[in-house]
Amino acid sequence: MLLLLTFTACDRDEVFEREQYKNVFALISESDNVSRKYHKLGEESIGYVSASLGGTNPTTKDIVVTLVEDPSLLDDFNRTNYDTDVSKYGKPLPKDKYDIDNFKFTIPAGEINGRLPIRIRPDGLSPDTAYFISLRVESHSSYEVNPDKSYILYRVRTKNFWADASGNTNYSMRAKLRIAGSQSELEMPGTKVMHPLTKNSVRVMAGNETYESNTNVFNKFAIVLTVGDDNKVTISPYGNIEVGQVDGDSEFTNTFFVEDDGFKTYKTFLLRYNYKNGSTVYEMKEELRMEFDPDEDLNE
């Protein structure tokens, strides 16, 4: 009996060790199987779906992995995360916005990484929509794939020099507001969320209008700031808002510039415009300022 128990325990240990140290690869993503990547507006750029191999011993054979697009993955993701709230559903990235030249990639023998390139053209994508490319492992030539990490949702997010589409690009505001016809001017500090629209334009809320991540709110109260090659800023409506740019102010010059005070570096807008909410016209003098690291921006 003692001998039998010893053999059984040894057998279990051997199986356990084989399971622990066998070579298994997985597609690299966050916990929800989503890989979130930013792509610059105004250019085509390369993103990658990457795989990583685990195991104690080095592999002796190439692992040729073939992926396939599978729209059902996004359907499952939407239902799991948003149930019946279809307004929050992610959408497939339009086919004209990307190319996958070859759905096969290799993890070479003795190595632990491989990746599949995707060419992304983000111009025209809305900062308010989540776009995905849904991919899963269709086949692999050797070893094993982790079933829980055998698929991935590659999420494309947009950015430009001034903002990214995360909703977390916050500029501090120093503003002066006056209601047309009034003699008093109100000092107005605050924070504004900025979203990228094109290579050289962004969206912010006008004046002191309340920010809400809602398309109807944006259409009603958002404005567009377009930065020219000379750093002059053109102010225009995003949707239905009545807004008029006012030039000629010596302090609020409708310009953008990078400011270095010797300690920190800032992206800065100086804006002058009037806009209408209902029957009230608001006259705005506005500075938007955000600290940034020039080295990080250059290395993106």
C-alpha atoms as a PDB file:
ATOM      1  CA  MET A   1       0.000   0.000   0.000  1.00  0.00           C
ATOM      2  CA  LEU A   2       2.821   2.378   0.944  1.00  0.00           C
ATOM      3  CA  LEU A   3       4.622   1.620  -2.342  1.00  0.00           C
ATOM      4  CA  LEU A   4       1.425   2.263  -4.336  1.00  0.00           C
ATOM      5  CA  LEU A   5       0.885   5.625  -2.635  1.00  0.00           C
ATOM      6  CA  THR A   6       4.494   6.612  -3.346  1.00  0.00           C
ATOM      7  CA  PHE A   7       4.153   5.787  -7.077  1.00  0.00           C
ATOM      8  CA  THR A   8       0.826   7.689  -7.261  1.00  0.00           C
ATOM      9  CA  ALA A   9       2.315  10.792  -5.622  1.00  0.00           C
ATOM     10  CA  CYS A  10       5.333  10.708  -7.944  1.00  0.00           C
ATOM     11  CA  ASP A  11       3.079  10.372 -10.964  1.00  0.00           C
ATOM     12  CA  ARG A  12       1.019  13.368  -9.866  1.00  0.00           C
ATOM     13  CA  ASP A  13       4.175  15.416  -9.306  1.00  0.00           C
ATOM     14  CA  GLU A  14       5.428  14.524 -12.770  1.00  0.00           C
ATOM     15  CA  VAL A  15       2.138  15.557 -14.395  1.00  0.00           C
ATOM     16  CA  PHE A  16       2.141  18.787 -12.389  1.00  0.00           C
ATOM     17  CA  GLU A  17       5.682  19.625 -13.481  1.00  0.00           C
ATOM     18  CA  ARG A  18       4.864  18.941 -17.116  1.00  0.00           C
ATOM     19  CA  GLU A  19       1.870  21.268 -16.869  1.00  0.00           C
ATOM     20  CA  GLN A  20       3.933  23.964 -15.141  1.00  0.00           C
ATOM     21  CA  TYR A  21       6.832  23.955 -17.560  1.00  0.00           C
ATOM     22  CA  LYS A  22       5.286  23.176 -20.929  1.00  0.00           C
ATOM     23  CA  ASN A  23       5.469  25.760 -23.718  1.00  0.00           C
ATOM     24  CA  VAL A  24       2.230  27.707 -24.094  1.00  0.00           C
ATOM     25  CA  PHE A  25       1.790  30.972 -26.011  1.00  0.00           C
ATOM     26  CA  ALA A  26      -0.811  33.697 -25.535  1.00  0.00           C
ATOM     27  CA  LEU A  27      -1.913  36.851 -27.341  1.00  0.00           C
ATOM     28  CA  ILE A  28      -0.908  39.836 -25.228  1.00  0.00           C
ATOM     29  CA  SER A  29      -3.788  41.985 -24.016  1.00  0.00           C
ATOM     30  CA  GLU A  30      -5.277  43.508 -20.911  1.00  0.00           C
ATOM     31  CA  SER A  31      -7.477  41.499 -18.555  1.00  0.00           C
ATOM     32  CA  ASP A  32     -10.556  41.923 -20.772  1.00  0.00           C
ATOM     33  CA  ASN A  33      -8.683  40.634 -23.854  1.00  0.00           C
ATOM     34  CA  VAL A  34      -8.542  44.169 -25.250  1.00  0.00           C
ATOM     35  CA  SER A  35      -5.330  45.748 -26.552  1.00  0.00           C
ATOM     36  CA  ARG A  36      -5.743  49.539 -26.592  1.00  0.00           C
ATOM     37  CA  LYS A  37      -3.447  51.407 -28.987  1.00  0.00           C
ATOM     38  CA  TYR A  38      -3.206  55.062 -30.020  1.00  0.00           C
ATOM     39  CA  HIS A  39      -2.626  56.089 -33.624  1.00  0.00           C
ATOM     40  CA  LYS A  40      -1.736  59.573 -34.848  1.00  0.00           C
ATOM     41  CA  LEU A  41      -4.207  61.364 -37.052  1.00  0.00           C
ATOM     42  CA  GLY A  42      -2.915  62.535 -40.409  1.00  0.00           C
ATOM     43  CA  GLU A  43      -0.754  59.501 -41.149  1.00  0.00           C
ATOM     44  CA  GLU A  44      -0.734  55.748 -41.593  1.00  0.00           C
ATOM     45  CA  SER A  45       0.951  53.927 -38.725  1.00  0.00           C
ATOM     46  CA  ILE A  46       1.699  50.364 -37.720  1.00  0.00           C
ATOM     47  CA  GLY A  47       0.154  48.624 -34.741  1.00  0.00           C
ATOM     48  CA  TYR A  48       0.942  45.104 -33.590  1.00  0.00           C
ATOM     49  CA  VAL A  49      -0.889  42.118 -32.170  1.00  0.00           C
ATOM     50  CA  SER A  50       1.789  40.418 -30.091  1.00  0.00           C
ATOM     51  CA  ALA A  51       2.173  36.940 -28.650  1.00  0.00           C
ATOM     52  CA  SER A  52       4.319  35.772 -25.765  1.00  0.00           C
ATOM     53  CA  LEU A  53       5.509  32.242 -25.020  1.00  0.00           C
ATOM     54  CA  GLY A  54       5.821  30.715 -21.575  1.00  0.00           C
ATOM     55  CA  GLY A  55       7.655  27.614 -20.458  1.00  0.00           C
ATOM     56  CA  THR A  56      10.926  26.666 -18.826  1.00  0.00           C
ATOM     57  CA  ASN A  57      12.669  24.977 -21.733  1.00  0.00           C
ATOM     58  CA  PRO A  58      13.424  26.790 -25.007  1.00  0.00           C
ATOM     59  CA  THR A  59      11.406  25.693 -28.007  1.00  0.00           C
ATOM     60  CA  THR A  60      13.054  23.676 -30.759  1.00  0.00           C
ATOM     61  CA  LYS A  61      10.482  24.378 -33.477  1.00  0.00           C
ATOM     62  CA  ASP A  62       8.985  27.531 -34.982  1.00  0.00           C
ATOM     63  CA  ILE A  63       5.414  28.282 -33.956  1.00  0.00           C
ATOM     64  CA  VAL A  64       3.524  29.518 -36.997  1.00  0.00           C
ATOM     65  CA  VAL A  65       0.331  31.211 -35.812  1.00  0.00           C
ATOM     66  CA  THR A  66      -2.599  31.985 -38.088  1.00  0.00           C
ATOM     67  CA  LEU A  67      -5.199  34.521 -36.973  1.00  0.00           C
ATOM     68  CA  VAL A  68      -8.647  35.113 -38.383  1.00  0.00           C
ATOM     69  CA  GLU A  69     -11.127  37.945 -37.950  1.00  0.00           C
ATOM     70  CA  ASP A  70     -14.147  36.948 -35.874  1.00  0.00           C
ATOM     71  CA  PRO A  71     -16.936  39.562 -35.463  1.00  0.00           C
ATOM     72  CA  SER A  72     -18.677  37.415 -32.828  1.00  0.00           C
ATOM     73  CA  LEU A  73     -15.924  38.350 -30.351  1.00  0.00           C
ATOM     74  CA  LEU A  74     -17.019  42.000 -30.411  1.00  0.00           C
ATOM     75  CA  ASP A  75     -20.666  40.976 -30.118  1.00  0.00           C
ATOM     76  CA  ASP A  76     -19.857  38.998 -26.972  1.00  0.00           C
ATOM     77  CA  PHE A  77     -17.768  41.856 -25.562  1.00  0.00           C
ATOM     78  CA  ASN A  78     -20.585  44.369 -26.075  1.00  0.00           C
ATOM     79  CA  ARG A  79     -23.250  42.162 -24.513  1.00  0.00           C
ATOM     80  CA  THR A  80     -21.054  41.262 -21.541  1.00  0.00           C
ATOM     81  CA  ASN A  81     -20.033  44.836 -20.752  1.00  0.00           C
ATOM     82  CA  TYR A  82     -23.037  46.916 -21.826  1.00  0.00           C
ATOM     83  CA  ASP A  83     -25.988  44.510 -21.974  1.00  0.00           C
ATOM     84  CA  THR A  84     -28.836  46.411 -23.705  1.00  0.00           C
ATOM     85  CA  ASP A  85     -27.198  49.858 -23.650  1.00  0.00           C
ATOM     86  CA  VAL A  86     -26.352  49.828 -27.342  1.00  0.00           C
ATOM     87  CA  SER A  87     -25.242  53.474 -27.246  1.00  0.00           C
ATOM     88  CA  LYS A  88     -22.022  52.258 -25.570  1.00  0.00           C
ATOM     89  CA  TYR A  89     -21.368  49.380 -27.955  1.00  0.00           C
ATOM     90  CA  GLY A  90     -18.008  49.210 -29.685  1.00  0.00           C
ATOM     91  CA  LYS A  91     -18.009  49.084 -33.481  1.00  0.00           C
ATOM     92  CA  PRO A  92     -15.880  47.192 -35.983  1.00  0.00           C
ATOM     93  CA  LEU A  93     -13.117  49.363 -37.395  1.00  0.00           C
ATOM     94  CA  PRO A  94     -14.195  50.236 -40.964  1.00  0.00           C
ATOM     95  CA  LYS A  95     -12.409  48.093 -43.538  1.00  0.00           C
ATOM     96  CA  ASP A  96     -10.959  51.106 -45.359  1.00  0.00           C
ATOM     97  CA  LYS A  97      -9.158  52.163 -42.165  1.00  0.00           C
ATOM     98  CA  TYR A  98      -6.764  49.205 -41.901  1.00  0.00           C
ATOM     99  CA  ASP A  99      -4.884  46.482 -43.752  1.00  0.00           C
ATOM    100  CA  ILE A 100      -3.579  43.145 -42.530  1.00  0.00           C
ATOM    101  CA  ASP A 101      -1.265  41.946 -45.280  1.00  0.00           C
ATOM    102  CA  ASN A 102      -0.728  38.499 -43.814  1.00  0.00           C
ATOM    103  CA  PHE A 103      -2.678  36.832 -41.030  1.00  0.00           C
ATOM    104  CA  LYS A 104       0.279  34.558 -40.211  1.00  0.00           C
ATOM    105  CA  PHE A 105       3.185  35.348 -37.914  1.00  0.00           C
ATOM    106  CA  THR A 106       5.950  33.268 -36.336  1.00  0.00           C
ATOM    107  CA  ILE A 107       7.420  32.804 -32.893  1.00  0.00           C
ATOM    108  CA  PRO A 108      10.868  31.534 -33.962  1.00  0.00           C
ATOM    109  CA  ALA A 109      12.371  28.470 -32.298  1.00  0.00           C
ATOM    110  CA  GLY A 110      14.201  29.426 -29.121  1.00  0.00           C
ATOM    111  CA  GLU A 111      12.455  32.809 -28.884  1.00  0.00           C
ATOM    112  CA  ILE A 112       9.468  33.884 -26.806  1.00  0.00           C
ATOM    113  CA  ASN A 113       7.824  36.631 -28.861  1.00  0.00           C
ATOM    114  CA  GLY A 114       6.139  37.127 -32.199  1.00  0.00           C
ATOM    115  CA  ARG A 115       3.845  39.761 -33.628  1.00  0.00           C
ATOM    116  CA  LEU A 116       1.439  40.534 -36.441  1.00  0.00           C
ATOM    117  CA  PRO A 117       1.573  44.043 -37.987  1.00  0.00           C
ATOM    118  CA  ILE A 118      -1.602  45.995 -38.782  1.00  0.00           C
ATOM    119  CA  ARG A 119      -1.534  49.154 -40.896  1.00  0.00           C
ATOM    120  CA  ILE A 120      -3.948  51.738 -39.461  1.00  0.00           C
ATOM    121  CA  ARG A 121      -5.327  54.887 -41.154  1.00  0.00           C
ATOM    122  CA  PRO A 122      -7.251  56.699 -38.393  1.00  0.00           C
ATOM    123  CA  ASP A 123      -8.357  59.864 -40.213  1.00  0.00           C
ATOM    124  CA  GLY A 124     -12.125  60.305 -40.029  1.00  0.00           C
ATOM    125  CA  LEU A 125     -12.643  58.208 -36.897  1.00  0.00           C
ATOM    126  CA  SER A 126     -14.798  59.748 -34.188  1.00  0.00           C
ATOM    127  CA  PRO A 127     -13.203  60.280 -30.760  1.00  0.00           C
ATOM    128  CA  ASP A 128     -16.563  59.289 -29.267  1.00  0.00           C
ATOM    129  CA  THR A 129     -16.712  55.769 -30.719  1.00  0.00           C
ATOM    130  CA  ALA A 130     -14.776  52.664 -29.678  1.00  0.00           C
ATOM    131  CA  TYR A 131     -13.409  50.880 -32.766  1.00  0.00           C
ATOM    132  CA  PHE A 132     -12.162  47.283 -32.709  1.00  0.00           C
ATOM    133  CA  ILE A 133     -10.499  44.676 -34.899  1.00  0.00           C
ATOM    134  CA  SER A 134     -11.569  41.245 -33.585  1.00  0.00           C
ATOM    135  CA  LEU A 135      -9.018  38.460 -34.040  1.00  0.00           C
ATOM    136  CA  ARG A 136      -8.592  34.910 -32.771  1.00  0.00           C
ATOM    137  CA  VAL A 137      -6.099  32.110 -33.266  1.00  0.00           C
ATOM    138  CA  GLU A 138      -7.359  29.884 -36.060  1.00  0.00           C
ATOM    139  CA  SER A 139      -4.393  27.489 -36.050  1.00  0.00           C
ATOM    140  CA  HIS A 140      -0.825  27.070 -34.807  1.00  0.00           C
ATOM    141  CA  SER A 141       1.875  24.720 -36.035  1.00  0.00           C
ATOM    142  CA  SER A 142       3.258  23.437 -32.739  1.00  0.00           C
ATOM    143  CA  TYR A 143       3.081  23.573 -28.939  1.00  0.00           C
ATOM    144  CA  GLU A 144      -0.041  24.991 -27.258  1.00  0.00           C
ATOM    145  CA  VAL A 145      -2.095  28.169 -27.043  1.00  0.00           C
ATOM    146  CA  ASN A 146      -3.646  29.470 -23.841  1.00  0.00           C
ATOM    147  CA  PRO A 147      -7.385  29.146 -24.556  1.00  0.00           C
ATOM    148  CA  ASP A 148      -8.203  32.183 -22.408  1.00  0.00           C
ATOM    149  CA  LYS A 149      -5.770  34.329 -24.398  1.00  0.00           C
ATOM    150  CA  SER A 150      -6.372  32.856 -27.850  1.00  0.00           C
ATOM    151  CA  TYR A 151      -8.326  35.904 -29.041  1.00  0.00           C
ATOM    152  CA  ILE A 152      -7.942  39.663 -28.889  1.00  0.00           C
ATOM    153  CA  LEU A 153      -9.885  42.855 -29.513  1.00  0.00           C
ATOM    154  CA  TYR A 154      -7.480  45.432 -30.947  1.00  0.00           C
ATOM    155  CA  ARG A 155      -8.919  48.840 -30.074  1.00  0.00           C
ATOM    156  CA  VAL A 156      -7.884  51.808 -32.200  1.00  0.00           C
ATOM    157  CA  ARG A 157      -7.786  55.168 -30.426  1.00  0.00           C
ATOM    158  CA  THR A 158      -6.831  58.475 -32.050  1.00  0.00           C
ATOM    159  CA  LYS A 159      -4.440  61.219 -30.995  1.00  0.00           C
ATOM    160  CA  ASN A 160      -2.691  64.312 -32.262  1.00  0.00           C
ATOM    161  CA  PHE A 161      -0.143  66.710 -30.754  1.00  0.00           C
ATOM    162  CA  TRP A 162      -2.750  68.421 -28.546  1.00  0.00           C
ATOM    163  CA  ALA A 163      -4.956  65.605 -27.262  1.00  0.00           C
ATOM    164  CA  ASP A 164      -5.865  61.930 -27.341  1.00  0.00           C
ATOM    165  CA  ALA A 165      -9.282  60.279 -27.486  1.00  0.00           C
ATOM    166  CA  SER A 166      -9.204  58.815 -23.975  1.00  0.00           C
ATOM    167  CA  GLY A 167     -11.245  61.682 -22.540  1.00  0.00           C
ATOM    168  CA  ASN A 168      -8.424  62.322 -20.076  1.00  0.00           C
ATOM    169  CA  THR A 169      -6.658  65.196 -21.844  1.00  0.00           C
ATOM    170  CA  ASN A 170      -7.339  68.020 -19.407  1.00  0.00           C
ATOM    171  CA  TYR A 171      -6.309  71.627 -19.919  1.00  0.00           C
ATOM    172  CA  SER A 172      -6.484  74.075 -17.035  1.00  0.00           C
ATOM    173  CA  MET A 173      -8.512  77.164 -17.908  1.00  0.00           C
ATOM    174  CA  ARG A 174      -8.005  80.773 -16.922  1.00  0.00           C
ATOM    175  CA  ALA A 175     -10.839  82.779 -18.446  1.00  0.00           C
ATOM    176  CA  LYS A 176     -12.733  86.036 -18.377  1.00  0.00           C
ATOM    177  CA  LEU A 177     -16.439  85.879 -19.197  1.00  0.00           C
ATOM    178  CA  ARG A 178     -18.791  88.743 -19.865  1.00  0.00           C
ATOM    179  CA  ILE A 179     -22.404  88.676 -20.890  1.00  0.00           C
ATOM    180  CA  ALA A 180     -22.905  90.933 -23.916  1.00  0.00           C
ATOM    181  CA  GLY A 181     -24.214  94.329 -22.782  1.00  0.00           C
ATOM    182  CA  SER A 182     -22.892  93.944 -19.256  1.00  0.00           C
ATOM    183  CA  GLN A 183     -20.078  96.062 -17.828  1.00  0.00           C
ATOM    184  CA  SER A 184     -18.842  93.422 -15.383  1.00  0.00           C
ATOM    185  CA  GLU A 185     -16.354  90.701 -16.264  1.00  0.00           C
ATOM    186  CA  LEU A 186     -16.219  87.407 -14.375  1.00  0.00           C
ATOM    187  CA  GLU A 187     -12.926  85.644 -13.655  1.00  0.00           C
ATOM    188  CA  MET A 188     -13.484  81.978 -14.376  1.00  0.00           C
ATOM    189  CA  PRO A 189     -10.988  79.198 -13.527  1.00  0.00           C
ATOM    190  CA  GLY A 190     -11.698  75.615 -14.503  1.00  0.00           C
ATOM    191  CA  THR A 191     -10.663  72.554 -16.473  1.00  0.00           C
ATOM    192  CA  LYS A 192     -11.515  71.565 -20.023  1.00  0.00           C
ATOM    193  CA  VAL A 193     -11.435  68.137 -21.657  1.00  0.00           C
ATOM    194  CA  MET A 194      -9.973  68.161 -25.162  1.00  0.00           C
ATOM    195  CA  HIS A 195     -10.484  65.553 -27.912  1.00  0.00           C
ATOM    196  CA  PRO A 196      -8.600  65.147 -31.215  1.00  0.00           C
ATOM    197  CA  LEU A 197     -10.590  65.504 -34.442  1.00  0.00           C
ATOM    198  CA  THR A 198      -8.005  65.722 -37.229  1.00  0.00           C
ATOM    199  CA  LYS A 199      -4.236  66.057 -37.545  1.00  0.00           C
ATOM    200  CA  ASN A 200      -4.427  69.712 -36.451  1.00  0.00           C
ATOM    201  CA  SER A 201      -7.839  70.229 -34.847  1.00  0.00           C
ATOM    202  CA  VAL A 202      -9.411  69.492 -31.468  1.00  0.00           C
ATOM    203  CA  ARG A 203     -12.786  69.804 -29.769  1.00  0.00           C
ATOM    204  CA  VAL A 204     -13.584  71.512 -26.460  1.00  0.00           C
ATOM    205  CA  MET A 205     -16.697  72.834 -24.786  1.00  0.00           C
ATOM    206  CA  ALA A 206     -17.410  76.527 -25.297  1.00  0.00           C
ATOM    207  CA  GLY A 207     -17.060  78.887 -22.367  1.00  0.00           C
ATOM    208  CA  ASN A 208     -18.250  77.457 -19.069  1.00  0.00           C
ATOM    209  CA  GLU A 209     -20.619  74.913 -20.597  1.00  0.00           C
ATOM    210  CA  THR A 210     -20.716  71.638 -18.680  1.00  0.00           C
ATOM    211  CA  TYR A 211     -18.750  68.789 -20.208  1.00  0.00           C
ATOM    212  CA  GLU A 212     -20.605  65.527 -20.743  1.00  0.00           C
ATOM    213  CA  SER A 213     -19.519  62.606 -22.879  1.00  0.00           C
ATOM    214  CA  ASN A 214     -22.654  62.811 -24.970  1.00  0.00           C
ATOM    215  CA  THR A 215     -22.938  63.481 -28.693  1.00  0.00           C
ATOM    216  CA  ASN A 216     -26.014  65.670 -28.251  1.00  0.00           C
ATOM    217  CA  VAL A 217     -24.147  67.874 -25.758  1.00  0.00           C
ATOM    218  CA  PHE A 218     -21.161  68.159 -28.090  1.00  0.00           C
ATOM    219  CA  ASN A 219     -23.402  69.121 -31.005  1.00  0.00           C
ATOM    220  CA  LYS A 220     -25.038  71.820 -28.901  1.00  0.00           C
ATOM    221  CA  PHE A 221     -22.110  73.379 -27.026  1.00  0.00           C
ATOM    222  CA  ALA A 222     -18.722  72.233 -28.431  1.00  0.00           C
ATOM    223  CA  ILE A 223     -16.329  74.264 -30.561  1.00  0.00           C
ATOM    224  CA  VAL A 224     -13.435  73.272 -32.819  1.00  0.00           C
ATOM    225  CA  LEU A 225      -9.926  74.732 -32.526  1.00  0.00           C
ATOM    226  CA  THR A 226      -7.875  74.356 -35.716  1.00  0.00           C
ATOM    227  CA  VAL A 227      -4.172  75.158 -35.449  1.00  0.00           C
ATOM    228  CA  GLY A 228      -2.486  76.441 -38.604  1.00  0.00           C
ATOM    229  CA  ASP A 229       1.138  75.994 -39.628  1.00  0.00           C
ATOM    230  CA  ASP A 230       1.789  79.489 -38.204  1.00  0.00           C
ATOM    231  CA  ASN A 231       0.149  78.456 -34.890  1.00  0.00           C
ATOM    232  CA  LYS A 232      -2.801  80.754 -35.510  1.00  0.00           C
ATOM    233  CA  VAL A 233      -6.021  79.234 -34.168  1.00  0.00           C
ATOM    234  CA  THR A 234      -9.300  79.228 -36.062  1.00  0.00           C
ATOM    235  CA  ILE A 235     -12.432  78.802 -33.918  1.00  0.00           C
ATOM    236  CA  SER A 236     -15.509  77.213 -35.489  1.00  0.00           C
ATOM    237  CA  PRO A 237     -18.669  75.374 -34.377  1.00  0.00           C
ATOM    238  CA  TYR A 238     -18.546  71.611 -33.855  1.00  0.00           C
ATOM    239  CA  GLY A 239     -22.285  71.216 -34.321  1.00  0.00           C
ATOM    240  CA  ASN A 240     -25.118  73.701 -33.958  1.00  0.00           C
ATOM    241  CA  ILE A 241     -23.566  76.262 -31.626  1.00  0.00           C
ATOM    242  CA  GLU A 242     -23.402  79.890 -32.758  1.00  0.00           C
ATOM    243  CA  VAL A 243     -19.809  80.991 -32.244  1.00  0.00           C
ATOM    244  CA  GLY A 244     -17.778  83.865 -33.626  1.00  0.00           C
ATOM    245  CA  GLN A 245     -14.023  84.298 -33.441  1.00  0.00           C
ATOM    246  CA  VAL A 246     -12.841  87.737 -32.322  1.00  0.00           C
ATOM    247  CA  ASP A 247      -9.398  88.782 -33.562  1.00  0.00           C
ATOM    248  CA  GLY A 248      -7.319  91.776 -32.586  1.00  0.00           C
ATOM    249  CA  ASP A 249      -7.195  91.273 -28.813  1.00  0.00           C
ATOM    250  CA  SER A 250      -3.654  92.079 -27.645  1.00  0.00           C
ATOM    251  CA  GLU A 251      -3.706  89.484 -24.834  1.00  0.00           C
ATOM    252  CA  PHE A 252      -5.962  86.699 -26.113  1.00  0.00           C
ATOM    253  CA  THR A 253      -4.561  86.445 -29.630  1.00  0.00           C
ATOM    254  CA  ASN A 254      -6.145  83.221 -30.955  1.00  0.00           C
ATOM    255  CA  THR A 255      -2.811  81.470 -31.058  1.00  0.00           C
ATOM    256  CA  PHE A 256      -1.204  78.262 -29.807  1.00  0.00           C
ATOM    257  CA  PHE A 257       2.348  78.028 -28.490  1.00  0.00           C
ATOM    258  CA  VAL A 258       4.625  75.862 -26.382  1.00  0.00           C
ATOM    259  CA  GLU A 259       5.753  77.671 -23.252  1.00  0.00           C
ATOM    260  CA  ASP A 260       8.808  76.832 -21.142  1.00  0.00           C
ATOM    261  CA  ASP A 261       9.054  78.740 -17.851  1.00  0.00           C
ATOM    262  CA  GLY A 262      12.438  77.255 -16.995  1.00  0.00           C
ATOM    263  CA  PHE A 263      10.969  74.536 -14.812  1.00  0.00           C
ATOM    264  CA  LYS A 264       8.018  73.102 -16.718  1.00  0.00           C
ATOM    265  CA  THR A 265       6.760  73.034 -20.293  1.00  0.00           C
ATOM    266  CA  TYR A 266       3.176  73.771 -21.316  1.00  0.00           C
ATOM    267  CA  LYS A 267       0.941  73.550 -24.352  1.00  0.00           C
ATOM    268  CA  THR A 268      -1.017  76.814 -24.364  1.00  0.00           C
ATOM    269  CA  PHE A 269      -3.991  78.256 -26.251  1.00  0.00           C
ATOM    270  CA  LEU A 270      -4.986  81.942 -26.034  1.00  0.00           C
ATOM    271  CA  LEU A 271      -8.532  82.325 -27.340  1.00  0.00           C
ATOM    272  CA  ARG A 272     -11.020  85.134 -27.901  1.00  0.00           C
ATOM    273  CA  TYR A 273     -14.543  84.370 -29.119  1.00  0.00           C
ATOM    274  CA  ASN A 274     -18.235  85.014 -28.529  1.00  0.00           C
ATOM    275  CA  TYR A 275     -20.900  82.313 -28.423  1.00  0.00           C
ATOM    276  CA  LYS A 276     -24.613  82.078 -27.872  1.00  0.00           C
ATOM    277  CA  ASN A 277     -26.584  79.896 -25.464  1.00  0.00           C
ATOM    278  CA  GLY A 278     -30.286  80.477 -25.915  1.00  0.00           C
ATOM    279  CA  SER A 279     -30.748  84.242 -26.209  1.00  0.00           C
ATOM    280  CA  THR A 280     -27.612  85.069 -24.204  1.00  0.00           C
ATOM    281  CA  VAL A 281     -24.335  85.999 -25.867  1.00  0.00           C
ATOM    282  CA  TYR A 282     -21.174  85.244 -23.887  1.00  0.00           C
ATOM    283  CA  GLU A 283     -17.909  87.048 -24.603  1.00  0.00           C
ATOM    284  CA  MET A 284     -14.938  84.774 -23.806  1.00  0.00           C
ATOM    285  CA  LYS A 285     -11.265  85.511 -23.189  1.00  0.00           C
ATOM    286  CA  GLU A 286      -9.637  82.180 -22.465  1.00  0.00           C
ATOM    287  CA  GLU A 287      -6.275  80.613 -21.742  1.00  0.00           C
ATOM    288  CA  LEU A 288      -6.015  76.805 -21.914  1.00  0.00           C
ATOM    289  CA  ARG A 289      -2.802  75.323 -20.565  1.00  0.00           C
ATOM    290  CA  MET A 290      -1.493  71.778 -20.065  1.00  0.00           C
ATOM    291  CA  GLU A 291       1.868  70.661 -18.727  1.00  0.00           C
ATOM    292  CA  PHE A 292       3.680  68.065 -20.830  1.00  0.00           C
ATOM    293  CA  ASP A 293       7.038  66.366 -21.243  1.00  0.00           C
ATOM    294  CA  PRO A 294       8.591  67.260 -24.637  1.00  0.00           C
ATOM    295  CA  ASP A 295      10.779  64.145 -24.571  1.00  0.00           C
ATOM    296  CA  GLU A 296       7.747  61.869 -24.169  1.00  0.00           C
ATOM    297  CA  ASP A 297       5.924  63.608 -27.024  1.00  0.00           C
ATOM    298  CA  LEU A 298       8.942  63.196 -29.309  1.00  0.00           C
ATOM    299  CA  ASN A 299       9.268  59.514 -28.440  1.00  0.00           C
ATOM    300  CA  GLU A 300       5.625  58.594 -29.054  1.00  0.00           C
END
